[in-house]
Amino acid sequence: MKKPYTVGITGGSGSGKTFFLQGLASRFSPDQMCMVSQDHYYKSIDRQAVDENGITNFDLPGAIDRETFRADLLRLKAGQDVIKTEYTFNNPRTEARQLIFKATPIIIVEGLFVQYFEEIASELDLRLFVDAKEHVMLGRRIKRDQVERGYDLDDTLYRYQYHVMPVYESLIEPLKSHCDLIIPNNMSFERALDVLEQYLKTMV
C-alpha cells in the first residue's frame, strides 16, 4: 500500500481553518481524502485547566489528548479506519455523533496544536498555516462560539483576551516560520485552494 500523504493545517482561532477545509474537501471524494480535527480530541471537562477566575481554559496544549490523537493518526496512516465520538464542549444543545474517519490516500489533520506537538508534526508531509488579521479572527470566533458552543458575548471576549491570544502569540504564530505554505484568509482563499487541489491530486 502506498504511504498516505499527510497534511497538517494550523492557524489562530477564527482564522478560518474549518471553512478552508470544507472548501478543500468539496474538491475531493470521500475515498480520496480524510479530515481529522483536533477538536475531537479534547480531554473531558473535569480534566481541563481552570484559570484564576474559575473559567475553563480549552486553549492550552494540555487541553488535548495528544496521545490518542497521535495513535489515531498512526492507525489511519496504517490503513485502519477510526471511530471517534464528537466532542461537544458540554453544549447541552448539541448531541454527540459517532464519527468515522476513513483511511484514505490523503489525510488532513487540523487544529491549533497539530504542528506544535512534535510527535504529530513529525508525521506531516506538508505544513500549512491559515492566517488572518486579529479583528477578523475575533469576529469569526464570536460567531462560532455563539452557534456551536453556546457561549455568550462576554464569555467569548474574556476567553479571547485571556486564553486565546496569549497562546496564539506565544505558541502558534511562531510556527509560521516552519510552515511550507502560509494562506492569507482575510477575505478569500479560492486561488490557494486551486493550487493546493492541483498539487494534492498528484498524490492520489
N, C-alpha and C. Protein backbone atom coordinates (compact mmCIF):
# COMPACT_ATOMS: atom_id res chain seq x y z
N MET A 1 0.84 -1.19 0.00
CA MET A 1 0.00 0.00 0.00
C MET A 1 0.88 1.25 0.00
N LYS A 2 0.52 2.21 -0.85
CA LYS A 2 1.26 3.46 -0.92
C LYS A 2 1.05 4.24 0.38
N LYS A 3 2.12 4.84 0.88
CA LYS A 3 2.03 5.63 2.10
C LYS A 3 1.11 6.83 1.90
N PRO A 4 0.15 7.05 2.81
CA PRO A 4 -0.73 8.21 2.68
C PRO A 4 0.07 9.52 2.77
N TYR A 5 -0.43 10.52 2.09
CA TYR A 5 0.18 11.84 2.14
C TYR A 5 -0.55 12.64 3.22
N THR A 6 0.20 13.13 4.21
CA THR A 6 -0.42 13.74 5.38
C THR A 6 -0.14 15.24 5.43
N VAL A 7 -1.21 16.02 5.56
CA VAL A 7 -1.12 17.47 5.57
C VAL A 7 -1.61 17.98 6.93
N GLY A 8 -0.84 18.86 7.54
CA GLY A 8 -1.25 19.48 8.80
C GLY A 8 -1.58 20.94 8.59
N ILE A 9 -2.75 21.35 9.04
CA ILE A 9 -3.20 22.74 8.87
C ILE A 9 -3.44 23.36 10.23
N THR A 10 -2.76 24.48 10.48
CA THR A 10 -2.96 25.19 11.73
C THR A 10 -3.19 26.67 11.44
N GLY A 11 -3.38 27.44 12.50
CA GLY A 11 -3.66 28.87 12.40
C GLY A 11 -4.39 29.29 13.66
N GLY A 12 -4.58 30.57 13.82
CA GLY A 12 -5.24 31.07 15.02
C GLY A 12 -6.70 30.69 15.09
N SER A 13 -7.26 30.75 16.29
CA SER A 13 -8.69 30.51 16.46
C SER A 13 -9.48 31.59 15.72
N GLY A 14 -10.32 31.18 14.78
CA GLY A 14 -11.07 32.14 13.97
C GLY A 14 -10.37 32.53 12.69
N SER A 15 -9.25 31.88 12.39
CA SER A 15 -8.54 32.20 11.14
C SER A 15 -9.26 31.65 9.92
N GLY A 16 -10.18 30.72 10.14
CA GLY A 16 -10.94 30.16 9.03
C GLY A 16 -10.47 28.79 8.60
N LYS A 17 -9.82 28.08 9.51
CA LYS A 17 -9.31 26.74 9.18
C LYS A 17 -10.43 25.81 8.74
N THR A 18 -11.53 25.81 9.49
CA THR A 18 -12.64 24.90 9.19
C THR A 18 -13.26 25.22 7.84
N PHE A 19 -13.48 26.50 7.57
CA PHE A 19 -14.07 26.91 6.29
C PHE A 19 -13.15 26.55 5.13
N PHE A 20 -11.86 26.75 5.33
CA PHE A 20 -10.88 26.38 4.31
C PHE A 20 -10.93 24.88 4.05
N LEU A 21 -11.01 24.09 5.11
CA LEU A 21 -11.05 22.64 4.97
C LEU A 21 -12.31 22.17 4.27
N GLN A 22 -13.43 22.82 4.57
CA GLN A 22 -14.67 22.46 3.89
C GLN A 22 -14.55 22.70 2.39
N GLY A 23 -13.92 23.81 2.02
CA GLY A 23 -13.70 24.10 0.61
C GLY A 23 -12.78 23.08 -0.03
N LEU A 24 -11.75 22.68 0.69
CA LEU A 24 -10.82 21.68 0.17
C LEU A 24 -11.50 20.33 0.01
N ALA A 25 -12.26 19.93 1.02
CA ALA A 25 -12.93 18.62 0.99
C ALA A 25 -13.93 18.52 -0.17
N SER A 26 -14.55 19.64 -0.53
CA SER A 26 -15.54 19.63 -1.60
C SER A 26 -14.93 19.30 -2.96
N ARG A 27 -13.60 19.37 -3.06
CA ARG A 27 -12.91 19.13 -4.32
C ARG A 27 -12.37 17.70 -4.43
N PHE A 28 -12.62 16.89 -3.38
CA PHE A 28 -12.16 15.51 -3.37
C PHE A 28 -13.31 14.60 -2.95
N SER A 29 -13.22 13.35 -3.36
CA SER A 29 -14.22 12.37 -2.95
C SER A 29 -13.84 11.79 -1.59
N PRO A 30 -14.81 11.23 -0.86
CA PRO A 30 -14.52 10.68 0.47
C PRO A 30 -13.50 9.56 0.46
N ASP A 31 -13.33 8.87 -0.67
CA ASP A 31 -12.33 7.80 -0.72
C ASP A 31 -10.94 8.32 -1.08
N GLN A 32 -10.84 9.64 -1.33
CA GLN A 32 -9.54 10.24 -1.62
C GLN A 32 -8.95 10.95 -0.41
N MET A 33 -9.81 11.55 0.41
CA MET A 33 -9.32 12.43 1.48
C MET A 33 -10.10 12.22 2.77
N CYS A 34 -9.36 12.17 3.87
CA CYS A 34 -9.94 12.10 5.21
C CYS A 34 -9.48 13.31 6.00
N MET A 35 -10.40 13.93 6.74
CA MET A 35 -10.06 15.10 7.55
C MET A 35 -10.30 14.80 9.02
N VAL A 36 -9.28 15.05 9.82
CA VAL A 36 -9.35 14.78 11.26
C VAL A 36 -9.07 16.08 12.00
N SER A 37 -10.01 16.49 12.85
CA SER A 37 -9.85 17.73 13.59
C SER A 37 -9.39 17.47 15.02
N GLN A 38 -8.47 18.31 15.45
CA GLN A 38 -8.02 18.27 16.84
C GLN A 38 -9.18 18.49 17.81
N ASP A 39 -10.24 19.17 17.36
CA ASP A 39 -11.38 19.48 18.22
C ASP A 39 -12.04 18.24 18.81
N HIS A 40 -11.85 17.08 18.19
CA HIS A 40 -12.46 15.84 18.69
C HIS A 40 -11.56 15.13 19.70
N TYR A 41 -10.46 15.77 20.07
CA TYR A 41 -9.50 15.13 20.98
C TYR A 41 -9.27 15.94 22.25
N TYR A 42 -10.22 16.78 22.59
CA TYR A 42 -10.13 17.46 23.88
C TYR A 42 -10.35 16.46 25.01
N LYS A 43 -9.65 16.67 26.11
CA LYS A 43 -9.89 15.87 27.30
C LYS A 43 -11.25 16.22 27.88
N SER A 44 -11.79 15.34 28.72
CA SER A 44 -13.09 15.59 29.34
C SER A 44 -13.03 16.86 30.19
N ILE A 45 -14.17 17.48 30.41
CA ILE A 45 -14.23 18.77 31.09
C ILE A 45 -13.60 18.73 32.48
N ASP A 46 -13.67 17.60 33.16
CA ASP A 46 -13.11 17.50 34.50
C ASP A 46 -11.59 17.44 34.50
N ARG A 47 -11.00 17.29 33.34
CA ARG A 47 -9.53 17.23 33.22
C ARG A 47 -8.95 18.50 32.60
N GLN A 48 -9.79 19.54 32.42
CA GLN A 48 -9.33 20.78 31.83
C GLN A 48 -8.85 21.76 32.90
N ALA A 49 -7.86 22.57 32.55
CA ALA A 49 -7.35 23.59 33.46
C ALA A 49 -8.38 24.70 33.65
N VAL A 50 -8.37 25.27 34.83
CA VAL A 50 -9.27 26.37 35.17
C VAL A 50 -8.42 27.57 35.57
N ASP A 51 -8.74 28.77 35.06
CA ASP A 51 -7.93 29.94 35.39
C ASP A 51 -8.30 30.51 36.75
N GLU A 52 -7.67 31.62 37.12
CA GLU A 52 -7.86 32.18 38.46
C GLU A 52 -9.27 32.69 38.71
N ASN A 53 -10.06 32.85 37.63
CA ASN A 53 -11.45 33.28 37.78
C ASN A 53 -12.43 32.13 37.64
N GLY A 54 -11.90 30.90 37.61
CA GLY A 54 -12.76 29.73 37.54
C GLY A 54 -13.29 29.40 36.16
N ILE A 55 -12.67 29.98 35.12
CA ILE A 55 -13.11 29.74 33.75
C ILE A 55 -12.25 28.65 33.12
N THR A 56 -12.90 27.64 32.57
CA THR A 56 -12.18 26.54 31.92
C THR A 56 -11.41 27.05 30.70
N ASN A 57 -10.14 26.67 30.61
CA ASN A 57 -9.28 27.12 29.52
C ASN A 57 -9.04 25.97 28.55
N PHE A 58 -9.74 26.01 27.41
CA PHE A 58 -9.59 24.99 26.37
C PHE A 58 -8.45 25.29 25.41
N ASP A 59 -7.76 26.42 25.61
CA ASP A 59 -6.78 26.88 24.63
C ASP A 59 -5.34 26.64 25.06
N LEU A 60 -5.13 25.64 25.88
CA LEU A 60 -3.78 25.26 26.29
C LEU A 60 -3.40 23.92 25.64
N PRO A 61 -2.14 23.68 25.39
CA PRO A 61 -1.74 22.37 24.83
C PRO A 61 -2.22 21.20 25.69
N GLY A 62 -2.24 21.39 27.00
CA GLY A 62 -2.67 20.31 27.89
C GLY A 62 -4.13 19.98 27.81
N ALA A 63 -4.91 20.79 27.08
CA ALA A 63 -6.34 20.51 26.93
C ALA A 63 -6.60 19.33 25.98
N ILE A 64 -5.57 18.98 25.20
CA ILE A 64 -5.73 17.97 24.15
C ILE A 64 -5.18 16.62 24.59
N ASP A 65 -5.91 15.57 24.27
CA ASP A 65 -5.43 14.21 24.48
C ASP A 65 -4.50 13.86 23.31
N ARG A 66 -3.29 14.33 23.41
CA ARG A 66 -2.36 14.22 22.29
C ARG A 66 -1.94 12.78 22.03
N GLU A 67 -1.93 11.93 23.04
CA GLU A 67 -1.55 10.53 22.84
C GLU A 67 -2.56 9.81 21.96
N THR A 68 -3.86 10.02 22.26
CA THR A 68 -4.90 9.38 21.44
C THR A 68 -4.93 9.98 20.04
N PHE A 69 -4.71 11.28 19.97
CA PHE A 69 -4.68 11.96 18.67
C PHE A 69 -3.61 11.34 17.77
N ARG A 70 -2.42 11.17 18.30
CA ARG A 70 -1.32 10.59 17.52
C ARG A 70 -1.61 9.13 17.19
N ALA A 71 -2.13 8.38 18.16
CA ALA A 71 -2.41 6.97 17.93
C ALA A 71 -3.42 6.79 16.80
N ASP A 72 -4.46 7.63 16.76
CA ASP A 72 -5.46 7.53 15.70
C ASP A 72 -4.87 7.94 14.36
N LEU A 73 -4.00 8.93 14.35
CA LEU A 73 -3.35 9.32 13.10
C LEU A 73 -2.50 8.17 12.57
N LEU A 74 -1.78 7.50 13.44
CA LEU A 74 -0.95 6.37 13.01
C LEU A 74 -1.82 5.23 12.49
N ARG A 75 -2.98 5.01 13.09
CA ARG A 75 -3.89 3.97 12.58
C ARG A 75 -4.35 4.31 11.16
N LEU A 76 -4.71 5.55 10.94
CA LEU A 76 -5.14 5.95 9.61
C LEU A 76 -4.01 5.78 8.60
N LYS A 77 -2.80 6.14 8.98
CA LYS A 77 -1.67 6.02 8.08
C LYS A 77 -1.34 4.55 7.80
N ALA A 78 -1.76 3.68 8.72
CA ALA A 78 -1.53 2.24 8.54
C ALA A 78 -2.68 1.58 7.78
N GLY A 79 -3.68 2.38 7.36
CA GLY A 79 -4.78 1.84 6.57
C GLY A 79 -5.97 1.38 7.39
N GLN A 80 -6.05 1.78 8.65
CA GLN A 80 -7.15 1.37 9.53
C GLN A 80 -8.11 2.53 9.76
N ASP A 81 -9.41 2.28 9.63
CA ASP A 81 -10.41 3.30 9.92
C ASP A 81 -10.47 3.57 11.42
N VAL A 82 -10.93 4.78 11.78
CA VAL A 82 -11.02 5.18 13.18
C VAL A 82 -12.44 5.66 13.47
N ILE A 83 -13.00 5.21 14.60
CA ILE A 83 -14.31 5.67 15.06
C ILE A 83 -14.10 6.54 16.29
N LYS A 84 -14.71 7.72 16.29
CA LYS A 84 -14.49 8.69 17.37
C LYS A 84 -15.80 9.38 17.72
N THR A 85 -16.03 9.62 19.01
CA THR A 85 -17.21 10.36 19.44
C THR A 85 -16.95 11.86 19.34
N GLU A 86 -17.87 12.57 18.76
CA GLU A 86 -17.74 14.02 18.61
C GLU A 86 -17.63 14.70 19.98
N TYR A 87 -16.78 15.71 20.07
CA TYR A 87 -16.64 16.48 21.31
C TYR A 87 -17.55 17.70 21.21
N THR A 88 -18.41 17.91 22.20
CA THR A 88 -19.43 18.95 22.11
C THR A 88 -19.19 20.13 23.04
N PHE A 89 -18.08 20.15 23.77
CA PHE A 89 -17.76 21.24 24.69
C PHE A 89 -18.87 21.45 25.72
N ASN A 90 -19.53 20.35 26.10
CA ASN A 90 -20.60 20.38 27.09
C ASN A 90 -21.76 21.29 26.68
N ASN A 91 -21.94 21.49 25.38
CA ASN A 91 -23.07 22.27 24.89
C ASN A 91 -24.33 21.42 24.96
N PRO A 92 -25.29 21.76 25.83
CA PRO A 92 -26.48 20.92 26.00
C PRO A 92 -27.37 20.87 24.77
N ARG A 93 -27.16 21.80 23.84
CA ARG A 93 -27.99 21.82 22.63
C ARG A 93 -27.43 20.92 21.53
N THR A 94 -26.26 20.35 21.76
CA THR A 94 -25.61 19.52 20.75
C THR A 94 -25.55 18.05 21.20
N GLU A 95 -26.05 17.16 20.37
CA GLU A 95 -25.98 15.73 20.65
C GLU A 95 -24.75 15.15 19.96
N ALA A 96 -23.88 14.52 20.73
CA ALA A 96 -22.64 13.98 20.19
C ALA A 96 -22.92 12.88 19.16
N ARG A 97 -22.19 12.93 18.05
CA ARG A 97 -22.33 11.93 16.99
C ARG A 97 -21.14 10.98 17.00
N GLN A 98 -21.33 9.83 16.41
CA GLN A 98 -20.22 8.91 16.18
C GLN A 98 -19.60 9.25 14.83
N LEU A 99 -18.33 9.57 14.83
CA LEU A 99 -17.64 9.96 13.62
C LEU A 99 -16.78 8.80 13.12
N ILE A 100 -16.75 8.63 11.82
CA ILE A 100 -15.91 7.59 11.22
C ILE A 100 -14.89 8.26 10.32
N PHE A 101 -13.62 8.09 10.66
CA PHE A 101 -12.53 8.59 9.84
C PHE A 101 -12.01 7.43 8.99
N LYS A 102 -12.12 7.56 7.69
CA LYS A 102 -11.72 6.50 6.77
C LYS A 102 -10.26 6.66 6.37
N ALA A 103 -9.54 5.56 6.32
CA ALA A 103 -8.16 5.58 5.83
C ALA A 103 -8.18 5.87 4.33
N THR A 104 -7.51 6.94 3.92
CA THR A 104 -7.53 7.39 2.53
C THR A 104 -6.11 7.78 2.09
N PRO A 105 -5.91 7.98 0.78
CA PRO A 105 -4.57 8.35 0.30
C PRO A 105 -4.08 9.70 0.82
N ILE A 106 -5.02 10.62 1.11
CA ILE A 106 -4.66 11.93 1.66
C ILE A 106 -5.31 12.08 3.02
N ILE A 107 -4.52 12.41 4.02
CA ILE A 107 -5.03 12.62 5.38
C ILE A 107 -4.75 14.06 5.77
N ILE A 108 -5.80 14.77 6.16
CA ILE A 108 -5.66 16.15 6.61
C ILE A 108 -5.90 16.19 8.12
N VAL A 109 -4.95 16.71 8.86
CA VAL A 109 -5.16 16.91 10.30
C VAL A 109 -5.11 18.41 10.56
N GLU A 110 -6.10 18.91 11.30
CA GLU A 110 -6.14 20.35 11.51
C GLU A 110 -6.39 20.65 12.97
N GLY A 111 -5.91 21.82 13.38
CA GLY A 111 -6.13 22.24 14.75
C GLY A 111 -5.03 23.17 15.22
N LEU A 112 -5.27 23.76 16.35
CA LEU A 112 -4.35 24.75 16.90
C LEU A 112 -2.96 24.19 17.14
N PHE A 113 -2.89 22.92 17.61
CA PHE A 113 -1.60 22.39 18.07
C PHE A 113 -1.03 21.27 17.20
N VAL A 114 -1.58 21.06 15.99
CA VAL A 114 -1.11 19.93 15.18
C VAL A 114 0.35 20.08 14.76
N GLN A 115 0.84 21.30 14.70
CA GLN A 115 2.26 21.50 14.37
C GLN A 115 3.08 21.83 15.61
N TYR A 116 2.41 22.19 16.68
CA TYR A 116 3.11 22.47 17.93
C TYR A 116 3.54 21.16 18.61
N PHE A 117 2.67 20.14 18.56
CA PHE A 117 3.02 18.84 19.12
C PHE A 117 4.04 18.18 18.20
N GLU A 118 5.26 17.99 18.68
CA GLU A 118 6.32 17.47 17.83
C GLU A 118 6.01 16.08 17.30
N GLU A 119 5.35 15.25 18.11
CA GLU A 119 5.06 13.88 17.68
C GLU A 119 4.00 13.84 16.58
N ILE A 120 3.17 14.88 16.49
CA ILE A 120 2.22 15.00 15.39
C ILE A 120 2.91 15.63 14.18
N ALA A 121 3.64 16.70 14.43
CA ALA A 121 4.33 17.41 13.35
C ALA A 121 5.28 16.51 12.58
N SER A 122 5.89 15.56 13.27
CA SER A 122 6.85 14.66 12.60
C SER A 122 6.17 13.71 11.63
N GLU A 123 4.84 13.57 11.73
CA GLU A 123 4.09 12.69 10.82
C GLU A 123 3.58 13.43 9.59
N LEU A 124 3.82 14.73 9.50
CA LEU A 124 3.28 15.54 8.41
C LEU A 124 4.22 15.60 7.22
N ASP A 125 3.64 15.53 6.02
CA ASP A 125 4.40 15.71 4.79
C ASP A 125 4.34 17.16 4.29
N LEU A 126 3.28 17.87 4.68
CA LEU A 126 3.11 19.25 4.25
C LEU A 126 2.47 20.03 5.40
N ARG A 127 3.01 21.24 5.67
CA ARG A 127 2.51 22.05 6.77
C ARG A 127 1.96 23.37 6.22
N LEU A 128 0.70 23.63 6.55
CA LEU A 128 0.04 24.86 6.10
C LEU A 128 -0.36 25.71 7.30
N PHE A 129 -0.32 27.02 7.11
CA PHE A 129 -0.73 27.96 8.16
C PHE A 129 -1.78 28.89 7.55
N VAL A 130 -3.01 28.84 8.09
CA VAL A 130 -4.07 29.73 7.65
C VAL A 130 -4.01 30.98 8.51
N ASP A 131 -3.83 32.13 7.88
CA ASP A 131 -3.56 33.38 8.59
C ASP A 131 -4.70 34.38 8.38
N ALA A 132 -4.95 35.19 9.40
CA ALA A 132 -5.95 36.25 9.29
C ALA A 132 -5.62 37.34 10.30
N LYS A 133 -6.12 38.54 10.03
CA LYS A 133 -5.92 39.65 10.95
C LYS A 133 -6.69 39.41 12.25
N GLU A 134 -6.20 40.04 13.32
CA GLU A 134 -6.76 39.77 14.64
C GLU A 134 -8.25 40.11 14.72
N HIS A 135 -8.67 41.25 14.16
CA HIS A 135 -10.09 41.62 14.26
C HIS A 135 -10.97 40.68 13.46
N VAL A 136 -10.43 40.13 12.38
CA VAL A 136 -11.19 39.15 11.58
C VAL A 136 -11.35 37.86 12.38
N MET A 137 -10.27 37.41 13.02
CA MET A 137 -10.35 36.19 13.82
C MET A 137 -11.33 36.35 14.98
N LEU A 138 -11.33 37.52 15.61
CA LEU A 138 -12.24 37.75 16.74
C LEU A 138 -13.69 37.68 16.28
N GLY A 139 -14.01 38.33 15.17
CA GLY A 139 -15.38 38.30 14.66
C GLY A 139 -15.85 36.88 14.37
N ARG A 140 -14.98 36.09 13.76
CA ARG A 140 -15.34 34.69 13.47
C ARG A 140 -15.49 33.88 14.74
N ARG A 141 -14.63 34.15 15.73
CA ARG A 141 -14.69 33.42 17.00
C ARG A 141 -16.01 33.71 17.71
N ILE A 142 -16.44 34.96 17.72
CA ILE A 142 -17.70 35.33 18.37
C ILE A 142 -18.86 34.57 17.74
N LYS A 143 -18.90 34.56 16.41
CA LYS A 143 -19.98 33.88 15.71
C LYS A 143 -19.97 32.39 15.99
N ARG A 144 -18.80 31.76 15.94
CA ARG A 144 -18.71 30.32 16.17
C ARG A 144 -19.10 29.94 17.59
N ASP A 145 -18.59 30.70 18.57
CA ASP A 145 -18.86 30.36 19.96
C ASP A 145 -20.33 30.46 20.30
N GLN A 146 -21.03 31.42 19.71
CA GLN A 146 -22.45 31.54 19.97
C GLN A 146 -23.24 30.39 19.36
N VAL A 147 -22.88 30.02 18.14
CA VAL A 147 -23.64 29.00 17.41
C VAL A 147 -23.29 27.59 17.87
N GLU A 148 -21.99 27.27 17.98
CA GLU A 148 -21.55 25.90 18.21
C GLU A 148 -21.38 25.55 19.69
N ARG A 149 -20.99 26.54 20.51
CA ARG A 149 -20.62 26.22 21.88
C ARG A 149 -21.52 26.85 22.94
N GLY A 150 -22.46 27.68 22.51
CA GLY A 150 -23.41 28.24 23.43
C GLY A 150 -22.85 29.28 24.38
N TYR A 151 -21.72 29.92 24.03
CA TYR A 151 -21.13 30.95 24.88
C TYR A 151 -21.79 32.30 24.59
N ASP A 152 -21.96 33.13 25.62
CA ASP A 152 -22.44 34.49 25.37
C ASP A 152 -21.26 35.39 25.01
N LEU A 153 -21.56 36.64 24.63
CA LEU A 153 -20.52 37.54 24.12
C LEU A 153 -19.45 37.81 25.18
N ASP A 154 -19.86 38.08 26.42
CA ASP A 154 -18.88 38.38 27.47
C ASP A 154 -17.93 37.21 27.68
N ASP A 155 -18.46 36.00 27.65
CA ASP A 155 -17.64 34.81 27.83
C ASP A 155 -16.62 34.69 26.69
N THR A 156 -17.09 34.88 25.47
CA THR A 156 -16.20 34.78 24.32
C THR A 156 -15.09 35.83 24.37
N LEU A 157 -15.43 37.07 24.70
CA LEU A 157 -14.43 38.14 24.75
C LEU A 157 -13.42 37.89 25.86
N TYR A 158 -13.88 37.37 27.00
CA TYR A 158 -12.97 37.05 28.09
C TYR A 158 -11.98 35.97 27.66
N ARG A 159 -12.50 34.88 27.08
CA ARG A 159 -11.64 33.79 26.65
C ARG A 159 -10.66 34.25 25.58
N TYR A 160 -11.12 35.11 24.68
CA TYR A 160 -10.24 35.58 23.60
C TYR A 160 -9.07 36.39 24.16
N GLN A 161 -9.37 37.26 25.12
CA GLN A 161 -8.32 38.12 25.68
C GLN A 161 -7.35 37.37 26.58
N TYR A 162 -7.87 36.48 27.42
CA TYR A 162 -7.04 35.87 28.45
C TYR A 162 -6.58 34.43 28.14
N HIS A 163 -7.25 33.77 27.20
CA HIS A 163 -6.88 32.40 26.86
C HIS A 163 -6.35 32.30 25.44
N VAL A 164 -7.15 32.78 24.48
CA VAL A 164 -6.85 32.55 23.06
C VAL A 164 -5.60 33.29 22.61
N MET A 165 -5.59 34.61 22.76
CA MET A 165 -4.49 35.39 22.20
C MET A 165 -3.14 35.16 22.87
N PRO A 166 -3.07 35.01 24.20
CA PRO A 166 -1.75 34.72 24.79
C PRO A 166 -1.11 33.44 24.24
N VAL A 167 -1.93 32.38 24.04
CA VAL A 167 -1.40 31.13 23.50
C VAL A 167 -1.04 31.30 22.02
N TYR A 168 -1.89 32.01 21.29
CA TYR A 168 -1.61 32.21 19.87
C TYR A 168 -0.29 32.96 19.68
N GLU A 169 -0.12 34.04 20.42
CA GLU A 169 1.08 34.87 20.25
C GLU A 169 2.35 34.16 20.69
N SER A 170 2.25 33.33 21.72
CA SER A 170 3.46 32.69 22.25
C SER A 170 3.77 31.34 21.61
N LEU A 171 2.75 30.58 21.21
CA LEU A 171 2.99 29.21 20.75
C LEU A 171 2.63 28.95 19.28
N ILE A 172 1.60 29.61 18.77
CA ILE A 172 1.09 29.27 17.44
C ILE A 172 1.65 30.16 16.35
N GLU A 173 1.60 31.45 16.53
CA GLU A 173 2.10 32.35 15.49
C GLU A 173 3.57 32.08 15.13
N PRO A 174 4.44 31.74 16.09
CA PRO A 174 5.83 31.43 15.72
C PRO A 174 5.98 30.24 14.79
N LEU A 175 4.93 29.39 14.67
CA LEU A 175 5.00 28.23 13.78
C LEU A 175 5.03 28.63 12.30
N LYS A 176 4.63 29.86 12.00
CA LYS A 176 4.63 30.30 10.60
C LYS A 176 5.97 30.07 9.93
N SER A 177 7.03 30.33 10.65
CA SER A 177 8.37 30.23 10.05
C SER A 177 8.76 28.79 9.74
N HIS A 178 8.00 27.83 10.24
CA HIS A 178 8.31 26.42 9.99
C HIS A 178 7.33 25.79 8.99
N CYS A 179 6.40 26.59 8.45
CA CYS A 179 5.39 26.06 7.54
C CYS A 179 5.86 26.11 6.09
N ASP A 180 5.27 25.24 5.30
CA ASP A 180 5.60 25.20 3.88
C ASP A 180 4.81 26.25 3.10
N LEU A 181 3.57 26.50 3.54
CA LEU A 181 2.71 27.49 2.88
C LEU A 181 1.95 28.28 3.93
N ILE A 182 1.84 29.61 3.72
CA ILE A 182 1.01 30.47 4.55
C ILE A 182 -0.13 30.98 3.67
N ILE A 183 -1.36 30.75 4.11
CA ILE A 183 -2.54 31.09 3.31
C ILE A 183 -3.28 32.25 3.97
N PRO A 184 -3.22 33.47 3.40
CA PRO A 184 -3.97 34.60 3.96
C PRO A 184 -5.47 34.36 3.79
N ASN A 185 -6.23 34.60 4.84
CA ASN A 185 -7.67 34.34 4.79
C ASN A 185 -8.44 35.47 5.45
N ASN A 186 -8.20 36.70 4.98
CA ASN A 186 -8.98 37.82 5.46
C ASN A 186 -10.25 38.01 4.66
N MET A 187 -10.19 37.62 3.38
CA MET A 187 -11.38 37.77 2.52
C MET A 187 -11.66 36.49 1.73
N SER A 188 -10.68 36.02 0.97
CA SER A 188 -10.91 34.86 0.10
C SER A 188 -9.63 34.04 -0.03
N PHE A 189 -9.83 32.73 -0.24
CA PHE A 189 -8.66 31.85 -0.41
C PHE A 189 -8.85 30.92 -1.60
N GLU A 190 -9.69 31.31 -2.57
CA GLU A 190 -10.01 30.43 -3.69
C GLU A 190 -8.78 30.07 -4.51
N ARG A 191 -7.90 31.03 -4.74
CA ARG A 191 -6.70 30.73 -5.54
C ARG A 191 -5.79 29.76 -4.81
N ALA A 192 -5.69 29.92 -3.49
CA ALA A 192 -4.87 28.99 -2.71
C ALA A 192 -5.47 27.59 -2.78
N LEU A 193 -6.80 27.50 -2.74
CA LEU A 193 -7.45 26.19 -2.87
C LEU A 193 -7.16 25.57 -4.23
N ASP A 194 -7.20 26.38 -5.27
CA ASP A 194 -6.93 25.86 -6.62
C ASP A 194 -5.53 25.24 -6.68
N VAL A 195 -4.55 25.96 -6.15
CA VAL A 195 -3.16 25.48 -6.18
C VAL A 195 -3.02 24.21 -5.35
N LEU A 196 -3.59 24.21 -4.14
CA LEU A 196 -3.47 23.05 -3.27
C LEU A 196 -4.18 21.84 -3.84
N GLU A 197 -5.34 22.07 -4.44
CA GLU A 197 -6.08 20.97 -5.06
C GLU A 197 -5.25 20.29 -6.14
N GLN A 198 -4.67 21.08 -7.04
CA GLN A 198 -3.90 20.51 -8.13
C GLN A 198 -2.68 19.73 -7.60
N TYR A 199 -2.05 20.26 -6.57
CA TYR A 199 -0.89 19.57 -6.01
C TYR A 199 -1.29 18.26 -5.34
N LEU A 200 -2.34 18.30 -4.52
CA LEU A 200 -2.73 17.09 -3.78
C LEU A 200 -3.26 16.01 -4.71
N LYS A 201 -3.85 16.38 -5.82
CA LYS A 201 -4.36 15.38 -6.75
C LYS A 201 -3.24 14.60 -7.42
N THR A 202 -2.03 15.14 -7.39
CA THR A 202 -0.90 14.38 -7.89
C THR A 202 -0.48 13.31 -6.88
N MET A 203 -0.99 13.41 -5.64
CA MET A 203 -0.64 12.46 -4.60
C MET A 203 -1.63 11.29 -4.50
N VAL A 204 -2.78 11.43 -5.15
CA VAL A 204 -3.82 10.38 -5.06
C VAL A 204 -3.48 9.23 -6.01
